[in-house]
Structure formats: structure tokens, C-alpha cells
């Protein structure tokens, strides 16, 4: 299957690599030769949509900036087989108003798509799932509200967790660990925690790690006192609100 990605920014490029890793033929379609030059050097087939671009019979992923949808849509002619959007704050109904296609889906991957590790919530037709699984694992949502919440976790939470990773590393440095070792340790603990969360509920994991009057529960108590749990819940709420606006 050939997938045409309209947009060559960070997210478009990440999906291109992930899909290529999964055996898809990928065509990256950019506004200018400059915007796609690096991907072209890396072996991707590239095209320029310029003033007009025929999408007839193609499987599309729209990966440009959300504000550019109306302008880009004016340049598209024909009817695509499938149109998938990664544009924030864009609904399936909005897509239908601007792009002609046989099926539609809106999704929210993250940059881990490059390494086939994105968790990608989506809403719309099931036909999109094969493509979305090409750069990780997809999760179908049944409503716009579900998608907004899942989209924050998939798209925004990596930045939240990066803040946590940076803070943990800095704390270790403050306790005397060198910076390289601190970052290596944090990377490793994120990987091991992901494995544990795959097999346990977060609350059960906390209980398992915290021994009575131990070092871990002392740190957890400090985090609870600082309102870390509430801060993360507030962050999700704020990002979800922005997604809906």
C-alpha cells in the first residue's frame, strides 16, 4: 500500500519513517523542494503539491499545521480513498467539509511513530487502523470527548513525562551522581516502569514498590504533599480544553 503524507514537519517525518519501517511505500508531499529535501536525501519518494494536487484514489495523511487546512484543501482535486488527519482541533466533520474522500479518520500520534512506538488514538473509519498500526499501536475512540482525552495522553503526555525525567535526573545530580549517569539511569527506569505498567495497575505498582517506612514511600509522600497528582490531572484538563477550543 502507498501512503501519501502531506506535510514534512516533525510529525509528518516521524510517521514517514515509521510506515517505511513497517513495509509501506511512502510518498511525502511538501509545499516546496526545500521542505522535503532531507527526506528525499534519505530515500523517500517526494512530490510537491504546489498550486494543485490530484488526490484521486490515494490514501492520505494530512500532517501540516491546522490553520493551513482551508488553504491546502483548495489545492486538492479529486477524491481520495482514505483521508487521515493528525491536525489538532480538527474533527471528522471538518475534514468532510474540506477534503473529498471515501473514508475519514482523525488521529493523534506522537513522535515515537518514527520508531514504531506511537500509541495513536483515533476516531472515524476502521479503514485507518492498518495505517495507524504501521507506526505503533492504535486505539479507536467512540466519541469526540473520548478522543480529546486520549489525544492528550498520546500527544501531550510525552512532554509532561520529559519534565519528570529532567527533574529526576537533576535530583540525582544534586545528590552527587554525574549528569550522564543520571540521564542513563532515568532512561532505564522509564523503560523498566513501562514494562511493569504493561502488567500491573499503577496503584498496585506503587504498593509493590513502597515498603513500610521505606525510602520510596517517603518520596511518594513528598510528591503527594506537593500536589503532583493534582498538577498532572490539571495539565490533562488544560490540554484537553485547548484541544476542544
C-alpha atoms as a PDB file:
ATOM      1  CA  UNK A   1       0.000   0.000   0.000  1.00  0.00           C
ATOM      2  CA  UNK A   2       1.186   3.512  -0.810  1.00  0.00           C
ATOM      3  CA  UNK A   3       0.559   6.261   1.739  1.00  0.00           C
ATOM      4  CA  UNK A   4       0.842   9.921   0.807  1.00  0.00           C
ATOM      5  CA  UNK A   5       1.814  12.219   3.689  1.00  0.00           C
ATOM      6  CA  UNK A   6       1.022  15.876   3.054  1.00  0.00           C
ATOM      7  CA  UNK A   7       3.463  17.714   5.276  1.00  0.00           C
ATOM      8  CA  UNK A   8       7.124  17.159   6.092  1.00  0.00           C
ATOM      9  CA  UNK A   9       7.499  18.629   9.559  1.00  0.00           C
ATOM     10  CA  UNK A  10       8.426  16.728  12.713  1.00  0.00           C
ATOM     11  CA  UNK A  11       5.218  14.683  12.892  1.00  0.00           C
ATOM     12  CA  UNK A  12       4.980  14.030   9.165  1.00  0.00           C
ATOM     13  CA  UNK A  13       8.591  12.882   9.063  1.00  0.00           C
ATOM     14  CA  UNK A  14       8.149  10.625  12.110  1.00  0.00           C
ATOM     15  CA  UNK A  15       5.170   8.896  10.500  1.00  0.00           C
ATOM     16  CA  UNK A  16       7.035   8.542   7.221  1.00  0.00           C
ATOM     17  CA  UNK A  17       9.892   6.665   8.875  1.00  0.00           C
ATOM     18  CA  UNK A  18       7.543   4.506  10.917  1.00  0.00           C
ATOM     19  CA  UNK A  19       5.450   3.499   7.925  1.00  0.00           C
ATOM     20  CA  UNK A  20       8.551   2.761   5.864  1.00  0.00           C
ATOM     21  CA  UNK A  21       9.838   0.584   8.698  1.00  0.00           C
ATOM     22  CA  UNK A  22       6.541  -1.319   8.519  1.00  0.00           C
ATOM     23  CA  UNK A  23       6.839  -2.002   4.807  1.00  0.00           C
ATOM     24  CA  UNK A  24       4.549   0.684   3.413  1.00  0.00           C
ATOM     25  CA  UNK A  25       5.507   2.680   0.363  1.00  0.00           C
ATOM     26  CA  UNK A  26       5.575   6.308   1.462  1.00  0.00           C
ATOM     27  CA  UNK A  27       5.344   9.442  -0.636  1.00  0.00           C
ATOM     28  CA  UNK A  28       5.999  12.702   1.200  1.00  0.00           C
ATOM     29  CA  UNK A  29       4.240  15.665  -0.385  1.00  0.00           C
ATOM     30  CA  UNK A  30       5.541  19.118   0.525  1.00  0.00           C
ATOM     31  CA  UNK A  31       4.886  22.712  -0.405  1.00  0.00           C
ATOM     32  CA  UNK A  32       8.430  23.350  -1.662  1.00  0.00           C
ATOM     33  CA  UNK A  33      11.502  21.377  -2.728  1.00  0.00           C
ATOM     34  CA  UNK A  34      13.387  22.762   0.266  1.00  0.00           C
ATOM     35  CA  UNK A  35      10.872  21.433   2.781  1.00  0.00           C
ATOM     36  CA  UNK A  36      11.276  17.843   1.565  1.00  0.00           C
ATOM     37  CA  UNK A  37      14.964  17.889   0.679  1.00  0.00           C
ATOM     38  CA  UNK A  38      16.189  15.984   3.745  1.00  0.00           C
ATOM     39  CA  UNK A  39      13.589  13.248   3.364  1.00  0.00           C
ATOM     40  CA  UNK A  40      14.421  12.956  -0.308  1.00  0.00           C
ATOM     41  CA  UNK A  41      18.100  12.520   0.544  1.00  0.00           C
ATOM     42  CA  UNK A  42      17.091   9.738   2.924  1.00  0.00           C
ATOM     43  CA  UNK A  43      15.461   7.781   0.127  1.00  0.00           C
ATOM     44  CA  UNK A  44      11.827   8.808   0.355  1.00  0.00           C
ATOM     45  CA  UNK A  45       9.843   9.429  -2.781  1.00  0.00           C
ATOM     46  CA  UNK A  46       8.782  13.071  -2.650  1.00  0.00           C
ATOM     47  CA  UNK A  47       6.350  15.270  -4.536  1.00  0.00           C
ATOM     48  CA  UNK A  48       5.329  18.925  -4.431  1.00  0.00           C
ATOM     49  CA  UNK A  49       1.658  19.852  -4.323  1.00  0.00           C
ATOM     50  CA  UNK A  50       2.177  23.481  -5.299  1.00  0.00           C
ATOM     51  CA  UNK A  51      -0.940  25.155  -6.670  1.00  0.00           C
ATOM     52  CA  UNK A  52      -2.778  21.908  -7.450  1.00  0.00           C
ATOM     53  CA  UNK A  53      -2.528  18.261  -6.379  1.00  0.00           C
ATOM     54  CA  UNK A  54      -4.673  15.333  -7.503  1.00  0.00           C
ATOM     55  CA  UNK A  55      -5.652  13.049  -4.610  1.00  0.00           C
ATOM     56  CA  UNK A  56      -7.833  10.687  -6.646  1.00  0.00           C
ATOM     57  CA  UNK A  57      -7.664   7.115  -5.323  1.00  0.00           C
ATOM     58  CA  UNK A  58      -4.924   7.932  -2.808  1.00  0.00           C
ATOM     59  CA  UNK A  59      -4.533   7.152   0.879  1.00  0.00           C
ATOM     60  CA  UNK A  60      -3.688  10.491   2.516  1.00  0.00           C
ATOM     61  CA  UNK A  61      -2.355  11.624   5.846  1.00  0.00           C
ATOM     62  CA  UNK A  62      -2.711  15.357   6.434  1.00  0.00           C
ATOM     63  CA  UNK A  63       0.236  16.436   8.584  1.00  0.00           C
ATOM     64  CA  UNK A  64       0.586  20.187   8.066  1.00  0.00           C
ATOM     65  CA  UNK A  65      -0.375  22.928  10.525  1.00  0.00           C
ATOM     66  CA  UNK A  66      -4.101  23.012  11.455  1.00  0.00           C
ATOM     67  CA  UNK A  67      -4.524  26.609  10.325  1.00  0.00           C
ATOM     68  CA  UNK A  68      -3.406  25.618   6.817  1.00  0.00           C
ATOM     69  CA  UNK A  69      -6.264  23.172   6.189  1.00  0.00           C
ATOM     70  CA  UNK A  70      -8.544  25.560   4.326  1.00  0.00           C
ATOM     71  CA  UNK A  71      -5.785  26.845   2.076  1.00  0.00           C
ATOM     72  CA  UNK A  72      -4.355  23.387   1.403  1.00  0.00           C
ATOM     73  CA  UNK A  73      -7.788  21.945   0.657  1.00  0.00           C
ATOM     74  CA  UNK A  74      -8.271  24.475  -2.153  1.00  0.00           C
ATOM     75  CA  UNK A  75      -5.260  22.943  -3.900  1.00  0.00           C
ATOM     76  CA  UNK A  76      -6.548  19.342  -3.698  1.00  0.00           C
ATOM     77  CA  UNK A  77      -8.559  17.908  -6.571  1.00  0.00           C
ATOM     78  CA  UNK A  78     -10.289  14.555  -6.972  1.00  0.00           C
ATOM     79  CA  UNK A  79     -11.476  12.137  -4.310  1.00  0.00           C
ATOM     80  CA  UNK A  80      -9.131  10.211  -2.024  1.00  0.00           C
ATOM     81  CA  UNK A  81      -9.785   6.643  -0.935  1.00  0.00           C
ATOM     82  CA  UNK A  82      -8.964   7.483   2.685  1.00  0.00           C
ATOM     83  CA  UNK A  83      -8.138  10.769   4.401  1.00  0.00           C
ATOM     84  CA  UNK A  84      -6.452  10.640   7.816  1.00  0.00           C
ATOM     85  CA  UNK A  85      -5.757  13.857   9.707  1.00  0.00           C
ATOM     86  CA  UNK A  86      -3.271  14.494  12.510  1.00  0.00           C
ATOM     87  CA  UNK A  87      -4.327  18.146  12.699  1.00  0.00           C
ATOM     88  CA  UNK A  88      -5.108  19.286  16.232  1.00  0.00           C
ATOM     89  CA  UNK A  89      -8.610  20.638  16.894  1.00  0.00           C
ATOM     90  CA  UNK A  90      -9.903  19.207  13.606  1.00  0.00           C
ATOM     91  CA  UNK A  91     -12.942  16.905  13.602  1.00  0.00           C
ATOM     92  CA  UNK A  92     -14.101  14.331  11.065  1.00  0.00           C
ATOM     93  CA  UNK A  93     -16.953  16.667  10.117  1.00  0.00           C
ATOM     94  CA  UNK A  94     -14.439  19.438   9.428  1.00  0.00           C
ATOM     95  CA  UNK A  95     -12.451  17.116   7.178  1.00  0.00           C
ATOM     96  CA  UNK A  96     -15.573  16.224   5.218  1.00  0.00           C
ATOM     97  CA  UNK A  97     -16.197  19.902   4.527  1.00  0.00           C
ATOM     98  CA  UNK A  98     -12.744  20.429   3.042  1.00  0.00           C
ATOM     99  CA  UNK A  99     -11.475  17.168   1.540  1.00  0.00           C
ATOM    100  CA  UNK A 100     -13.312  14.664  -0.657  1.00  0.00           C
ATOM    101  CA  UNK A 101     -12.664  11.071   0.377  1.00  0.00           C
ATOM    102  CA  UNK A 102     -14.343   7.703   0.664  1.00  0.00           C
ATOM    103  CA  UNK A 103     -13.463   7.371   4.364  1.00  0.00           C
ATOM    104  CA  UNK A 104     -12.123   9.657   7.076  1.00  0.00           C
ATOM    105  CA  UNK A 105     -10.283   9.437  10.387  1.00  0.00           C
ATOM    106  CA  UNK A 106      -8.692  11.885  12.808  1.00  0.00           C
ATOM    107  CA  UNK A 107      -5.807  10.658  14.946  1.00  0.00           C
ATOM    108  CA  UNK A 108      -3.264  11.891  17.480  1.00  0.00           C
ATOM    109  CA  UNK A 109       0.077  10.058  17.226  1.00  0.00           C
ATOM    110  CA  UNK A 110       3.297  11.156  18.877  1.00  0.00           C
ATOM    111  CA  UNK A 111       6.871  11.460  17.673  1.00  0.00           C
ATOM    112  CA  UNK A 112       7.634   7.885  18.755  1.00  0.00           C
ATOM    113  CA  UNK A 113       5.947   6.956  15.456  1.00  0.00           C
ATOM    114  CA  UNK A 114       9.428   7.228  13.967  1.00  0.00           C
ATOM    115  CA  UNK A 115      10.447   4.111  15.911  1.00  0.00           C
ATOM    116  CA  UNK A 116       7.055   2.372  15.557  1.00  0.00           C
ATOM    117  CA  UNK A 117       6.302   3.087  19.206  1.00  0.00           C
ATOM    118  CA  UNK A 118       3.468   5.621  18.992  1.00  0.00           C
ATOM    119  CA  UNK A 119       0.218   4.947  20.808  1.00  0.00           C
ATOM    120  CA  UNK A 120      -2.306   6.562  18.475  1.00  0.00           C
ATOM    121  CA  UNK A 121      -5.933   7.208  19.438  1.00  0.00           C
ATOM    122  CA  UNK A 122      -8.251   7.835  16.518  1.00  0.00           C
ATOM    123  CA  UNK A 123     -11.870   8.479  15.674  1.00  0.00           C
ATOM    124  CA  UNK A 124     -13.518   7.613  12.375  1.00  0.00           C
ATOM    125  CA  UNK A 125     -13.475   4.684   9.980  1.00  0.00           C
ATOM    126  CA  UNK A 126     -11.829   1.374  10.829  1.00  0.00           C
ATOM    127  CA  UNK A 127     -10.020   1.515   7.486  1.00  0.00           C
ATOM    128  CA  UNK A 128      -7.453   3.790   9.137  1.00  0.00           C
ATOM    129  CA  UNK A 129      -6.321   1.198  11.689  1.00  0.00           C
ATOM    130  CA  UNK A 130      -3.970  -0.646   9.319  1.00  0.00           C
ATOM    131  CA  UNK A 131      -2.126   2.586   8.560  1.00  0.00           C
ATOM    132  CA  UNK A 132      -2.013   3.780  12.164  1.00  0.00           C
ATOM    133  CA  UNK A 133      -0.703   0.454  13.401  1.00  0.00           C
ATOM    134  CA  UNK A 134       2.106   0.978  10.900  1.00  0.00           C
ATOM    135  CA  UNK A 135       3.813   3.383  13.272  1.00  0.00           C
ATOM    136  CA  UNK A 136       2.854   1.827  16.584  1.00  0.00           C
ATOM    137  CA  UNK A 137      -0.471   0.772  18.070  1.00  0.00           C
ATOM    138  CA  UNK A 138      -3.802   2.486  17.504  1.00  0.00           C
ATOM    139  CA  UNK A 139      -6.774   2.803  19.852  1.00  0.00           C
ATOM    140  CA  UNK A 140     -10.226   3.594  18.468  1.00  0.00           C
ATOM    141  CA  UNK A 141     -12.365   6.116  20.365  1.00  0.00           C
ATOM    142  CA  UNK A 142     -16.155   6.130  20.203  1.00  0.00           C
ATOM    143  CA  UNK A 143     -16.765   9.852  20.773  1.00  0.00           C
ATOM    144  CA  UNK A 144     -15.123  13.230  20.385  1.00  0.00           C
ATOM    145  CA  UNK A 145     -14.815  13.586  24.170  1.00  0.00           C
ATOM    146  CA  UNK A 146     -13.022  10.228  24.431  1.00  0.00           C
ATOM    147  CA  UNK A 147     -10.731  11.214  21.588  1.00  0.00           C
ATOM    148  CA  UNK A 148      -9.898  14.566  23.203  1.00  0.00           C
ATOM    149  CA  UNK A 149      -8.847  12.855  26.431  1.00  0.00           C
ATOM    150  CA  UNK A 150      -6.920  10.067  24.709  1.00  0.00           C
ATOM    151  CA  UNK A 151      -5.285  12.567  22.376  1.00  0.00           C
ATOM    152  CA  UNK A 152      -3.833  14.480  25.323  1.00  0.00           C
ATOM    153  CA  UNK A 153      -2.318  11.305  26.742  1.00  0.00           C
ATOM    154  CA  UNK A 154      -0.847  10.250  23.395  1.00  0.00           C
ATOM    155  CA  UNK A 155       0.192  13.633  22.057  1.00  0.00           C
ATOM    156  CA  UNK A 156       0.913  15.783  25.110  1.00  0.00           C
ATOM    157  CA  UNK A 157       1.927  13.405  27.894  1.00  0.00           C
ATOM    158  CA  UNK A 158       5.393  12.730  26.393  1.00  0.00           C
ATOM    159  CA  UNK A 159       6.230  16.372  27.145  1.00  0.00           C
ATOM    160  CA  UNK A 160       4.830  16.029  30.685  1.00  0.00           C
ATOM    161  CA  UNK A 161       6.933  12.930  31.263  1.00  0.00           C
ATOM    162  CA  UNK A 162      10.002  14.615  29.789  1.00  0.00           C
ATOM    163  CA  UNK A 163       9.631  17.239  32.524  1.00  0.00           C
ATOM    164  CA  UNK A 164       9.550  14.416  35.071  1.00  0.00           C
ATOM    165  CA  UNK A 165      12.609  12.779  33.511  1.00  0.00           C
ATOM    166  CA  UNK A 166      14.539  16.038  33.605  1.00  0.00           C
ATOM    167  CA  UNK A 167      13.567  16.666  37.215  1.00  0.00           C
ATOM    168  CA  UNK A 168      14.576  13.157  38.313  1.00  0.00           C
ATOM    169  CA  UNK A 169      17.941  13.493  36.600  1.00  0.00           C
ATOM    170  CA  UNK A 170      18.529  16.898  38.198  1.00  0.00           C
ATOM    171  CA  UNK A 171      17.619  15.493  41.604  1.00  0.00           C
ATOM    172  CA  UNK A 172      20.140  12.687  41.152  1.00  0.00           C
ATOM    173  CA  UNK A 173      22.815  15.198  40.120  1.00  0.00           C
ATOM    174  CA  UNK A 174      22.030  17.225  43.241  1.00  0.00           C
ATOM    175  CA  UNK A 175      22.703  14.075  45.265  1.00  0.00           C
ATOM    176  CA  UNK A 176      26.111  13.611  43.647  1.00  0.00           C
ATOM    177  CA  UNK A 177      25.522  11.487  40.526  1.00  0.00           C
ATOM    178  CA  UNK A 178      27.194  12.731  37.342  1.00  0.00           C
ATOM    179  CA  UNK A 179      24.853  14.020  34.641  1.00  0.00           C
ATOM    180  CA  UNK A 180      25.499  11.271  32.076  1.00  0.00           C
ATOM    181  CA  UNK A 181      24.880   8.532  34.597  1.00  0.00           C
ATOM    182  CA  UNK A 182      21.782  10.326  35.883  1.00  0.00           C
ATOM    183  CA  UNK A 183      20.213  10.561  32.430  1.00  0.00           C
ATOM    184  CA  UNK A 184      21.114   6.930  31.679  1.00  0.00           C
ATOM    185  CA  UNK A 185      19.529   5.816  34.953  1.00  0.00           C
ATOM    186  CA  UNK A 186      16.345   7.806  34.273  1.00  0.00           C
ATOM    187  CA  UNK A 187      16.087   6.413  30.750  1.00  0.00           C
ATOM    188  CA  UNK A 188      16.434   2.904  32.124  1.00  0.00           C
ATOM    189  CA  UNK A 189      13.857   3.378  34.853  1.00  0.00           C
ATOM    190  CA  UNK A 190      11.324   4.744  32.334  1.00  0.00           C
ATOM    191  CA  UNK A 191      11.845   1.647  30.202  1.00  0.00           C
ATOM    192  CA  UNK A 192      11.537  -0.739  33.158  1.00  0.00           C
ATOM    193  CA  UNK A 193       8.487   1.106  34.520  1.00  0.00           C
ATOM    194  CA  UNK A 194       6.784   0.800  31.128  1.00  0.00           C
ATOM    195  CA  UNK A 195       7.284  -2.964  31.317  1.00  0.00           C
ATOM    196  CA  UNK A 196       5.816  -3.082  34.802  1.00  0.00           C
ATOM    197  CA  UNK A 197       2.824  -0.917  33.854  1.00  0.00           C
ATOM    198  CA  UNK A 198       2.109  -3.280  30.980  1.00  0.00           C
ATOM    199  CA  UNK A 199       1.447  -5.954  33.583  1.00  0.00           C
ATOM    200  CA  UNK A 200       0.094  -4.046  36.569  1.00  0.00           C
ATOM    201  CA  UNK A 201      -2.248  -1.216  37.552  1.00  0.00           C
ATOM    202  CA  UNK A 202      -0.398   1.971  38.644  1.00  0.00           C
ATOM    203  CA  UNK A 203      -1.808   1.781  42.175  1.00  0.00           C
ATOM    204  CA  UNK A 204      -0.690  -1.826  42.561  1.00  0.00           C
ATOM    205  CA  UNK A 205       2.758  -0.928  41.262  1.00  0.00           C
ATOM    206  CA  UNK A 206       3.086   1.840  43.863  1.00  0.00           C
ATOM    207  CA  UNK A 207       2.010  -0.563  46.614  1.00  0.00           C
ATOM    208  CA  UNK A 208       4.515  -3.163  45.435  1.00  0.00           C
ATOM    209  CA  UNK A 209       7.441  -0.725  45.409  1.00  0.00           C
ATOM    210  CA  UNK A 210       6.645   1.069  48.681  1.00  0.00           C
ATOM    211  CA  UNK A 211       7.759  -0.916  51.705  1.00  0.00           C
ATOM    212  CA  UNK A 212       6.599   0.176  55.188  1.00  0.00           C
ATOM    213  CA  UNK A 213       8.589   3.144  56.498  1.00  0.00           C
ATOM    214  CA  UNK A 214      10.884   2.775  53.483  1.00  0.00           C
ATOM    215  CA  UNK A 215      12.683   5.211  51.223  1.00  0.00           C
ATOM    216  CA  UNK A 216      10.140   5.061  48.393  1.00  0.00           C
ATOM    217  CA  UNK A 217       7.051   5.910  50.461  1.00  0.00           C
ATOM    218  CA  UNK A 218       8.988   8.834  51.930  1.00  0.00           C
ATOM    219  CA  UNK A 219       9.477  10.242  48.438  1.00  0.00           C
ATOM    220  CA  UNK A 220       5.891   9.471  47.392  1.00  0.00           C
ATOM    221  CA  UNK A 221       4.642  11.337  50.463  1.00  0.00           C
ATOM    222  CA  UNK A 222       6.656  14.386  49.394  1.00  0.00           C
ATOM    223  CA  UNK A 223       5.168  14.220  45.890  1.00  0.00           C
ATOM    224  CA  UNK A 224       1.643  13.947  47.278  1.00  0.00           C
ATOM    225  CA  UNK A 225       2.300  16.864  49.627  1.00  0.00           C
ATOM    226  CA  UNK A 226       3.475  18.954  46.676  1.00  0.00           C
ATOM    227  CA  UNK A 227       0.273  18.189  44.783  1.00  0.00           C
ATOM    228  CA  UNK A 228       1.969  16.377  41.913  1.00  0.00           C
ATOM    229  CA  UNK A 229      -1.032  14.136  41.229  1.00  0.00           C
ATOM    230  CA  UNK A 230      -3.370  17.122  41.072  1.00  0.00           C
ATOM    231  CA  UNK A 231      -0.927  19.036  38.882  1.00  0.00           C
ATOM    232  CA  UNK A 232      -0.852  16.254  36.306  1.00  0.00           C
ATOM    233  CA  UNK A 233      -4.650  15.979  36.319  1.00  0.00           C
ATOM    234  CA  UNK A 234      -4.858  19.746  35.834  1.00  0.00           C
ATOM    235  CA  UNK A 235      -2.377  19.550  32.958  1.00  0.00           C
ATOM    236  CA  UNK A 236      -4.500  16.946  31.191  1.00  0.00           C
ATOM    237  CA  UNK A 237      -7.607  19.067  31.728  1.00  0.00           C
ATOM    238  CA  UNK A 238      -5.886  22.190  30.385  1.00  0.00           C
ATOM    239  CA  UNK A 239      -4.548  20.446  27.270  1.00  0.00           C
ATOM    240  CA  UNK A 240      -7.924  18.798  26.638  1.00  0.00           C
ATOM    241  CA  UNK A 241      -9.600  22.182  26.906  1.00  0.00           C
ATOM    242  CA  UNK A 242      -7.201  23.638  24.357  1.00  0.00           C
ATOM    243  CA  UNK A 243      -7.832  20.667  22.067  1.00  0.00           C
ATOM    244  CA  UNK A 244     -11.571  21.391  22.137  1.00  0.00           C
ATOM    245  CA  UNK A 245     -11.283  25.161  21.623  1.00  0.00           C
END
